[in-house]
Amino acid sequence: MPLTDAACRKAKAAEKDYKLGDSGGLYLFVTAKGAKSWRMKYRFGGKEKRLSFGLYPEVSLLEARDRRDAARRMLRDFKDPGVELAAMKAAAHSPGGPTFKPYAEQWVEEQAGRWSKVHRTKSHRALERDVYPALGDMPLTAITGPMILKLLRKVEERGAIDTAKRIRQHVSGIFAKAVSEGLVPVDPAASLGKALLPLPTTKKQPARTDVVKARAVLAAVEEPRSSAGPLVKLASRLLALTAVRPGIVRGALWEEFGGIDWEADDDAPEALWRIPAERMKLALENKDEQAFDHYVPLPRQAVDVVRTVHRLTGRVAFPFPNGRSNYRPMSENALSYAYGRAGHSGRHVPHGWRASFSTIMNEWAAEHGREGDRAVIDGMLAHLPKGISAAEMAYNRAKHIKRRRELATIWADMLTEGLAPAADLLIEHEG
């Protein structure tokens, strides 16, 4: 039964969002907070899509029906009303056609379904900082390749070579959308990739790849006379034991740790650190590796570390909070400074534990006739070997979880031999 204006006025908020149907795909969408908006469901190219016609009562029932009818006429002409209306909206921004910024903002919104929140924020910030000041108010039709290259050169001049390449990709994506909608004839950013500076050769992170020397790094950082605080020392040990990236340890949340009774003193044989794909993507962005939820089996030495940390910060979200605020993670420089003050500058950096683990454990596997462990070790580092799909790697990780726990224990036993228990690192703090 078609809606009436009275029914629209009387629609109230409920526990959940709900719809009041009209006809022809039109309905009034009422949120749990009481907001009312007009929407239309339709199908185009075999896919279900949706249009939004504005808020009620700013857009009346009659106006919503008029907009529905206009959309249905487009469908009869084999046109996608969503695309047509977006192009009309963009064109209204300037007499010379749509200008770059509002059209780019629309493109960014459309990426929400395939971009992580972190990636979306970072990409949007780059457009605001480096593109909009130069091109934001210009019509798309007036923007040329040399104009885009000029702003990319400015990004390169500050040393952000990789950022310049990503910005070009974003600008090209925006123009590709405009080409598909008939707003511009060509993508002026498409051919600029070869004109940009090449990425500098990646330097290997300094790392100790002998287990005795690696153990000495931990001992130096944890030395009682060290200026590092207890949380920095404990973060350093957890980083070494798990071989994750430093940012993963710094930004850890208590909710990520499972299989541990915080009040017990057992080995917690099922302890597992589940690092969400969202945080893995942040750490892996712009690297040739695949990000998805990463599971880190925790050996008893790592369990000792997190239990010890829990005594200090178990009531806040971050196990390793910032020294100035419990609502922010530890500073990214805290561990680097500690390693430098311990005398390992240029010899071993926090990120170097990944190389240490990979080298030492692969050598151990070769010595013990365990060549098959190489793939497991790669999985523990969240590497995606060439020729292996992300889905296959995810399956392999789940399949090898038992062996990963065994290898984690072997690594922890080697690394912590002769080191004091994690709880001892609190003695000075609690004394």
Protein backbone atom coordinates (compact mmCIF):
# COMPACT_ATOMS: atom_id res chain seq x y z
CA MET A 1 0.00 0.00 0.00
CA PRO A 2 1.44 3.42 -0.99
CA LEU A 3 2.61 5.74 1.76
CA THR A 4 0.75 8.81 2.93
CA ASP A 5 2.27 12.02 4.23
CA ALA A 6 0.59 11.39 7.57
CA ALA A 7 2.31 8.02 7.89
CA CYS A 8 5.65 9.67 7.13
CA ARG A 9 5.10 12.32 9.79
CA LYS A 10 4.08 9.77 12.42
CA ALA A 11 7.03 7.42 11.80
CA LYS A 12 9.03 7.28 15.04
CA ALA A 13 12.41 5.91 16.05
CA ALA A 14 12.53 2.25 17.06
CA GLU A 15 15.14 -0.07 18.52
CA LYS A 16 16.46 -0.80 15.04
CA ASP A 17 16.43 0.97 11.67
CA TYR A 18 13.37 0.14 9.56
CA LYS A 19 11.74 0.91 6.20
CA LEU A 20 8.30 2.16 5.16
CA GLY A 21 7.67 1.09 1.59
CA ASP A 22 5.88 3.18 -1.04
CA SER A 23 5.96 1.83 -4.61
CA GLY A 24 8.36 1.45 -7.52
CA GLY A 25 11.25 0.73 -5.17
CA LEU A 26 10.80 3.94 -3.15
CA TYR A 27 10.83 3.74 0.64
CA LEU A 28 11.30 5.92 3.71
CA PHE A 29 14.27 4.79 5.78
CA VAL A 30 13.92 5.54 9.52
CA THR A 31 17.01 5.17 11.71
CA ALA A 32 17.07 4.13 15.35
CA LYS A 33 17.75 7.79 16.19
CA GLY A 34 14.71 9.02 14.30
CA ALA A 35 16.30 10.43 11.13
CA LYS A 36 14.17 9.88 8.00
CA SER A 37 15.49 9.73 4.45
CA TRP A 38 14.11 8.78 1.06
CA ARG A 39 15.73 5.85 -0.73
CA MET A 40 15.07 3.85 -3.85
CA LYS A 41 16.12 0.28 -4.57
CA TYR A 42 16.68 -0.74 -8.17
CA ARG A 43 18.63 -3.22 -10.30
CA PHE A 44 21.03 -2.39 -13.12
CA GLY A 45 23.33 -4.77 -14.95
CA GLY A 46 22.15 -7.63 -12.78
CA LYS A 47 23.20 -5.88 -9.55
CA GLU A 48 21.02 -4.42 -6.81
CA LYS A 49 21.72 -0.72 -6.20
CA ARG A 50 20.28 2.10 -4.15
CA LEU A 51 19.65 5.83 -4.57
CA SER A 52 19.21 8.46 -1.87
CA PHE A 53 16.82 11.33 -2.48
CA GLY A 54 17.34 13.39 0.67
CA LEU A 55 15.83 13.82 4.13
CA TYR A 56 12.16 13.97 5.02
CA PRO A 57 10.44 16.45 5.42
CA GLU A 58 12.94 18.61 3.47
CA VAL A 59 12.06 16.38 0.52
CA SER A 60 8.32 15.74 0.55
CA LEU A 61 6.59 12.52 -0.42
CA LEU A 62 5.54 14.05 -3.77
CA GLU A 63 9.08 15.24 -4.50
CA ALA A 64 10.51 11.82 -3.64
CA ARG A 65 8.04 10.21 -6.05
CA ASP A 66 9.02 12.66 -8.79
CA ARG A 67 12.69 11.73 -8.31
CA ARG A 68 11.78 8.04 -8.32
CA ASP A 69 9.91 8.46 -11.58
CA ALA A 70 12.86 10.31 -13.14
CA ALA A 71 15.17 7.48 -12.11
CA ARG A 72 12.83 4.87 -13.60
CA ARG A 73 12.79 6.79 -16.91
CA MET A 74 16.59 6.55 -16.96
CA LEU A 75 16.35 2.80 -16.40
CA ARG A 76 13.95 2.51 -19.33
CA ASP A 77 16.59 4.27 -21.46
CA PHE A 78 19.17 1.69 -20.32
CA LYS A 79 20.98 4.24 -18.14
CA ASP A 80 22.13 3.71 -14.56
CA PRO A 81 20.38 6.46 -12.55
CA GLY A 82 23.07 6.34 -9.87
CA VAL A 83 25.77 7.18 -12.40
CA GLU A 84 23.63 9.73 -14.23
CA LEU A 85 22.62 11.60 -11.07
CA ALA A 86 26.21 11.61 -9.76
CA ALA A 87 27.43 13.13 -13.01
CA MET A 88 24.68 15.77 -12.94
CA LYS A 89 25.54 16.61 -9.34
CA ALA A 90 29.24 16.91 -10.11
CA ALA A 91 28.58 19.04 -13.21
CA ALA A 92 26.61 21.51 -11.09
CA HIS A 93 29.74 22.55 -9.21
CA SER A 94 31.11 24.63 -12.08
CA PRO A 95 29.81 26.12 -15.35
CA GLY A 96 32.85 24.50 -17.02
CA GLY A 97 31.92 21.07 -15.67
CA PRO A 98 32.64 19.48 -12.31
CA THR A 99 35.64 20.77 -10.41
CA PHE A 100 38.29 18.41 -9.13
CA LYS A 101 37.81 18.47 -5.34
CA PRO A 102 34.07 17.65 -5.07
CA TYR A 103 34.44 15.00 -7.75
CA ALA A 104 37.49 13.52 -6.01
CA GLU A 105 35.62 13.48 -2.68
CA GLN A 106 32.86 11.50 -4.36
CA TRP A 107 35.47 9.03 -5.70
CA VAL A 108 37.00 8.61 -2.23
CA GLU A 109 33.56 7.81 -0.79
CA GLU A 110 33.08 5.13 -3.43
CA GLN A 111 36.26 3.36 -2.28
CA ALA A 112 34.90 2.78 1.23
CA GLY A 113 33.87 -0.80 0.45
CA ARG A 114 37.35 -1.91 -0.66
CA TRP A 115 39.67 0.33 1.39
CA SER A 116 40.47 -0.10 5.06
CA LYS A 117 39.63 2.84 7.31
CA VAL A 118 43.33 3.52 7.83
CA HIS A 119 44.11 3.48 4.10
CA ARG A 120 41.13 5.71 3.34
CA THR A 121 42.20 8.27 5.93
CA LYS A 122 45.78 8.31 4.69
CA SER A 123 44.78 8.62 1.03
CA HIS A 124 42.28 11.40 1.75
CA ARG A 125 44.89 13.29 3.77
CA ALA A 126 47.35 13.09 0.85
CA LEU A 127 44.75 14.56 -1.53
CA GLU A 128 43.96 17.38 0.88
CA ARG A 129 47.61 18.16 1.51
CA ASP A 130 49.18 17.77 -1.94
CA VAL A 131 46.46 17.89 -4.61
CA TYR A 132 43.52 20.07 -3.61
CA PRO A 133 45.57 23.27 -3.05
CA ALA A 134 46.72 23.11 -6.70
CA LEU A 135 43.80 21.49 -8.52
CA GLY A 136 40.82 21.47 -6.15
CA ASP A 137 38.92 24.42 -7.68
CA MET A 138 39.78 23.66 -11.31
CA PRO A 139 37.29 22.02 -13.71
CA LEU A 140 38.30 18.47 -14.59
CA THR A 141 38.36 19.44 -18.26
CA ALA A 142 41.01 22.13 -17.60
CA ILE A 143 43.51 19.90 -15.80
CA THR A 144 46.48 18.71 -17.84
CA GLY A 145 49.28 16.19 -17.39
CA PRO A 146 51.96 18.87 -16.83
CA MET A 147 49.85 20.40 -14.03
CA ILE A 148 49.62 17.06 -12.26
CA LEU A 149 53.32 16.35 -12.80
CA LYS A 150 54.21 19.73 -11.29
CA LEU A 151 52.50 18.95 -7.98
CA LEU A 152 53.98 15.43 -7.97
CA ARG A 153 57.46 16.91 -8.38
CA LYS A 154 56.89 18.98 -5.24
CA VAL A 155 56.07 15.80 -3.34
CA GLU A 156 59.23 14.15 -4.68
CA GLU A 157 61.33 17.16 -3.66
CA ARG A 158 60.57 16.53 -0.02
CA GLY A 159 61.79 12.95 -0.40
CA ALA A 160 58.36 11.31 -0.47
CA ILE A 161 58.96 9.28 -3.64
CA ASP A 162 56.50 6.53 -2.80
CA THR A 163 53.84 9.05 -1.75
CA ALA A 164 54.14 10.76 -5.15
CA LYS A 165 53.51 7.43 -6.90
CA ARG A 166 50.44 6.70 -4.78
CA ILE A 167 49.03 10.19 -5.36
CA ARG A 168 49.41 9.70 -9.12
CA GLN A 169 47.48 6.44 -8.83
CA HIS A 170 44.69 8.17 -6.91
CA VAL A 171 44.46 11.07 -9.39
CA SER A 172 44.43 8.57 -12.25
CA GLY A 173 41.62 6.64 -10.53
CA ILE A 174 39.59 9.84 -10.23
CA PHE A 175 40.05 10.66 -13.90
CA ALA A 176 39.32 7.08 -14.94
CA LYS A 177 35.92 7.48 -13.28
CA ALA A 178 35.41 10.79 -15.09
CA VAL A 179 36.30 9.19 -18.45
CA SER A 180 33.82 6.36 -17.86
CA GLU A 181 31.08 8.90 -17.12
CA GLY A 182 31.84 10.95 -20.23
CA LEU A 183 33.01 14.03 -18.33
CA VAL A 184 36.54 14.13 -19.82
CA PRO A 185 37.99 12.46 -22.93
CA VAL A 186 41.24 11.12 -21.41
CA ASP A 187 43.02 10.50 -18.10
CA PRO A 188 45.89 13.04 -18.00
CA ALA A 189 47.61 11.18 -15.13
CA ALA A 190 47.69 7.78 -16.84
CA SER A 191 51.09 8.19 -18.53
CA LEU A 192 52.89 10.03 -15.73
CA GLY A 193 54.09 6.93 -13.87
CA LYS A 194 57.19 6.57 -16.04
CA ALA A 195 58.06 10.24 -15.51
CA LEU A 196 58.31 9.89 -11.73
CA LEU A 197 61.51 9.14 -9.86
CA PRO A 198 62.23 5.47 -9.15
CA LEU A 199 61.95 4.21 -5.60
CA PRO A 200 65.30 4.15 -3.77
CA THR A 201 66.83 0.76 -3.11
CA THR A 202 65.57 -0.55 0.21
CA LYS A 203 68.29 -0.86 2.81
CA LYS A 204 68.32 -3.87 5.06
CA GLN A 205 67.61 -3.21 8.71
CA PRO A 206 70.72 -3.80 10.87
CA ALA A 207 70.28 -7.07 12.75
CA ARG A 208 72.23 -9.62 14.75
CA THR A 209 71.86 -12.96 13.01
CA ASP A 210 73.85 -15.01 15.49
CA VAL A 211 71.77 -16.21 18.43
CA VAL A 212 74.45 -15.42 21.03
CA LYS A 213 74.83 -11.85 19.75
CA ALA A 214 71.05 -11.48 19.44
CA ARG A 215 70.66 -12.58 23.05
CA ALA A 216 73.28 -9.99 24.03
CA VAL A 217 71.13 -7.25 22.46
CA LEU A 218 68.23 -8.13 24.73
CA ALA A 219 70.52 -8.34 27.75
CA ALA A 220 71.98 -4.89 27.04
CA VAL A 221 68.57 -3.25 26.71
CA GLU A 222 67.34 -4.98 29.88
CA GLU A 223 70.46 -4.23 31.93
CA PRO A 224 69.40 -2.88 35.39
CA ARG A 225 71.41 0.31 34.91
CA SER A 226 69.74 0.92 31.55
CA SER A 227 67.80 4.17 31.25
CA ALA A 228 64.93 2.33 29.55
CA GLY A 229 61.77 2.00 31.62
CA PRO A 230 60.20 -1.37 32.43
CA LEU A 231 57.53 -1.12 29.72
CA VAL A 232 60.15 -0.40 27.06
CA LYS A 233 62.20 -3.39 28.23
CA LEU A 234 59.15 -5.64 28.20
CA ALA A 235 58.06 -4.35 24.79
CA SER A 236 61.56 -5.11 23.51
CA ARG A 237 61.41 -8.67 24.78
CA LEU A 238 57.94 -9.32 23.34
CA LEU A 239 59.09 -7.87 20.02
CA ALA A 240 62.10 -10.21 19.95
CA LEU A 241 60.06 -13.26 20.93
CA THR A 242 57.29 -12.74 18.37
CA ALA A 243 59.31 -11.19 15.48
CA VAL A 244 56.39 -8.92 14.53
CA ARG A 245 56.98 -5.35 13.42
CA PRO A 246 57.64 -2.74 16.12
CA GLY A 247 54.43 -0.86 15.28
CA ILE A 248 52.41 -4.02 15.94
CA VAL A 249 53.81 -4.30 19.47
CA ARG A 250 53.45 -0.59 20.22
CA GLY A 251 49.84 -0.50 19.07
CA ALA A 252 48.78 -3.81 20.64
CA LEU A 253 45.44 -3.94 22.47
CA TRP A 254 44.63 -6.21 25.39
CA GLU A 255 41.60 -7.55 23.53
CA GLU A 256 43.94 -9.14 20.96
CA PHE A 257 45.38 -11.63 23.46
CA GLY A 258 43.52 -14.87 24.11
CA GLY A 259 44.03 -18.16 25.92
CA ILE A 260 45.63 -16.51 28.98
CA ASP A 261 44.34 -16.50 32.55
CA TRP A 262 45.85 -13.29 33.89
CA GLU A 263 45.68 -14.47 37.50
CA ALA A 264 47.27 -17.89 36.93
CA ASP A 265 50.95 -18.79 36.66
CA ASP A 266 50.71 -21.66 34.16
CA ASP A 267 52.37 -21.77 30.72
CA ALA A 268 49.05 -21.02 28.94
CA PRO A 269 49.74 -23.57 26.17
CA GLU A 270 46.93 -22.21 23.95
CA ALA A 271 47.92 -18.54 24.27
CA LEU A 272 47.42 -16.72 20.99
CA TRP A 273 47.87 -13.13 19.85
CA ARG A 274 45.38 -12.31 17.09
CA ILE A 275 46.49 -9.20 15.21
CA PRO A 276 43.54 -7.85 13.16
CA ALA A 277 43.95 -7.34 9.43
CA GLU A 278 43.30 -3.64 9.97
CA ARG A 279 46.52 -3.29 11.97
CA MET A 280 48.44 -5.59 9.66
CA LYS A 281 47.46 -3.41 6.71
CA LEU A 282 48.74 -0.35 8.51
CA ALA A 283 52.10 -1.99 9.08
CA LEU A 284 52.32 -3.55 5.60
CA GLU A 285 51.10 -0.60 3.55
CA ASN A 286 53.24 -0.12 0.42
CA LYS A 287 55.08 -3.40 0.98
CA ASP A 288 54.93 -6.46 -1.29
CA GLU A 289 53.21 -8.59 1.32
CA GLN A 290 49.61 -9.58 1.97
CA ALA A 291 47.70 -8.39 5.01
CA PHE A 292 44.98 -10.32 6.84
CA ASP A 293 44.41 -11.39 10.45
CA HIS A 294 47.74 -12.66 11.72
CA TYR A 295 47.87 -15.27 14.48
CA VAL A 296 50.95 -15.39 16.71
CA PRO A 297 51.24 -18.44 19.00
CA LEU A 298 52.79 -17.25 22.27
CA PRO A 299 55.42 -19.46 23.95
CA ARG A 300 55.58 -19.45 27.75
CA GLN A 301 58.30 -16.73 27.74
CA ALA A 302 55.99 -14.40 25.79
CA VAL A 303 53.11 -15.27 28.11
CA ASP A 304 55.36 -14.29 31.04
CA VAL A 305 55.98 -10.94 29.35
CA VAL A 306 52.34 -10.08 28.71
CA ARG A 307 51.30 -11.23 32.19
CA THR A 308 53.99 -9.01 33.68
CA VAL A 309 52.85 -6.08 31.55
CA HIS A 310 49.26 -6.77 32.58
CA ARG A 311 50.22 -5.98 36.19
CA LEU A 312 51.16 -2.48 35.03
CA THR A 313 48.65 -1.59 32.31
CA GLY A 314 45.90 -4.20 32.46
CA ARG A 315 43.27 -1.55 33.20
CA VAL A 316 43.92 0.53 30.07
CA ALA A 317 43.42 -0.38 26.41
CA PHE A 318 47.08 -0.42 25.37
CA PRO A 319 49.54 -2.85 26.99
CA PHE A 320 52.28 -0.38 26.04
CA PRO A 321 50.78 3.11 26.42
CA ASN A 322 52.51 6.39 25.74
CA GLY A 323 54.46 7.84 28.64
CA ARG A 324 52.29 10.95 28.53
CA SER A 325 48.87 9.41 27.97
CA ASN A 326 47.30 6.00 28.56
CA TYR A 327 45.02 6.68 25.60
CA ARG A 328 47.84 6.62 23.06
CA PRO A 329 50.32 3.84 22.17
CA MET A 330 54.01 3.96 23.00
CA SER A 331 56.08 6.42 20.97
CA GLU A 332 57.58 4.94 17.81
CA ASN A 333 60.98 6.22 18.95
CA ALA A 334 60.94 4.66 22.42
CA LEU A 335 62.41 1.32 21.35
CA SER A 336 64.85 2.85 18.86
CA TYR A 337 66.24 5.19 21.50
CA ALA A 338 66.60 2.32 23.97
CA TYR A 339 68.59 0.25 21.46
CA GLY A 340 70.79 3.22 20.61
CA ARG A 341 71.53 4.01 24.26
CA ALA A 342 72.33 0.33 24.83
CA GLY A 343 75.13 0.63 22.27
CA HIS A 344 73.50 -1.11 19.30
CA SER A 345 72.99 1.84 16.98
CA GLY A 346 73.87 0.71 13.45
CA ARG A 347 74.21 -2.91 14.61
CA HIS A 348 70.70 -3.96 15.57
CA VAL A 349 67.43 -2.04 15.41
CA PRO A 350 63.98 -3.05 16.75
CA HIS A 351 62.83 -4.09 13.27
CA GLY A 352 65.95 -6.26 13.01
CA TRP A 353 64.39 -9.01 15.11
CA ARG A 354 62.54 -10.19 12.03
CA ALA A 355 65.82 -10.78 10.19
CA SER A 356 67.29 -12.38 13.30
CA PHE A 357 64.37 -14.80 13.60
CA SER A 358 64.32 -15.63 9.88
CA THR A 359 68.07 -16.25 9.59
CA ILE A 360 68.56 -18.15 12.83
CA MET A 361 65.45 -20.31 12.52
CA ASN A 362 66.04 -21.15 8.85
CA GLU A 363 69.60 -22.20 9.73
CA TRP A 364 68.23 -24.29 12.59
CA ALA A 365 65.73 -25.93 10.20
CA ALA A 366 68.50 -26.77 7.71
CA GLU A 367 70.71 -28.24 10.44
CA HIS A 368 67.88 -30.44 11.69
CA GLY A 369 66.68 -31.61 8.29
CA ARG A 370 63.47 -29.59 8.53
CA GLU A 371 63.44 -27.94 5.09
CA GLY A 372 59.65 -27.92 5.16
CA ASP A 373 59.78 -25.46 8.04
CA ARG A 374 60.86 -22.65 5.71
CA ALA A 375 57.28 -22.04 4.57
CA VAL A 376 56.08 -22.13 8.17
CA ILE A 377 58.73 -19.58 9.19
CA ASP A 378 57.62 -17.31 6.33
CA GLY A 379 54.05 -17.60 7.60
CA MET A 380 55.17 -16.61 11.09
CA LEU A 381 56.62 -13.43 9.58
CA ALA A 382 53.42 -12.71 7.60
CA HIS A 383 55.34 -13.01 4.34
CA LEU A 384 53.55 -13.96 1.15
CA PRO A 385 55.93 -16.06 -1.00
CA LYS A 386 55.82 -15.59 -4.77
CA GLY A 387 53.43 -17.91 -6.53
CA ILE A 388 51.23 -18.34 -3.44
CA SER A 389 47.81 -16.71 -3.30
CA ALA A 390 46.62 -14.87 -0.19
CA ALA A 391 43.83 -17.44 0.29
CA GLU A 392 46.29 -20.33 0.06
CA MET A 393 48.63 -18.60 2.51
CA ALA A 394 45.79 -18.07 4.98
CA TYR A 395 44.94 -21.78 4.71
CA ASN A 396 48.58 -22.76 5.24
CA ARG A 397 48.82 -20.58 8.32
CA ALA A 398 45.81 -22.25 9.89
CA LYS A 399 47.07 -25.68 8.88
CA HIS A 400 50.52 -25.11 10.40
CA ILE A 401 49.47 -23.46 13.67
CA LYS A 402 50.73 -26.39 15.75
CA ARG A 403 54.14 -26.36 14.06
CA ARG A 404 54.32 -22.58 14.36
CA ARG A 405 53.79 -22.90 18.11
CA GLU A 406 56.59 -25.47 18.28
CA LEU A 407 58.98 -23.25 16.33
CA ALA A 408 58.04 -20.25 18.47
CA THR A 409 58.99 -22.26 21.56
CA ILE A 410 62.32 -23.33 20.05
CA TRP A 411 63.13 -19.70 19.18
CA ALA A 412 62.12 -18.45 22.63
CA ASP A 413 64.21 -21.10 24.39
CA MET A 414 67.28 -20.15 22.37
CA LEU A 415 66.79 -16.41 22.71
CA THR A 416 66.09 -16.19 26.45
CA GLU A 417 68.71 -18.66 27.65
CA GLY A 418 70.37 -17.11 30.70
CA LEU A 419 68.08 -14.05 30.76
CA ALA A 420 66.18 -13.05 33.88
CA PRO A 421 62.42 -13.79 34.08
CA ALA A 422 60.20 -11.05 32.72
CA ALA A 423 58.89 -10.27 36.21
CA ASP A 424 62.40 -9.25 37.30
CA LEU A 425 62.24 -6.32 34.91
CA LEU A 426 59.64 -4.77 37.24
CA ILE A 427 61.74 -4.97 40.39
CA GLU A 428 63.34 -1.58 39.90
CA HIS A 429 59.96 -0.07 38.95
CA GLU A 430 58.17 -1.45 42.00
CA GLY A 431 61.05 -0.97 44.41
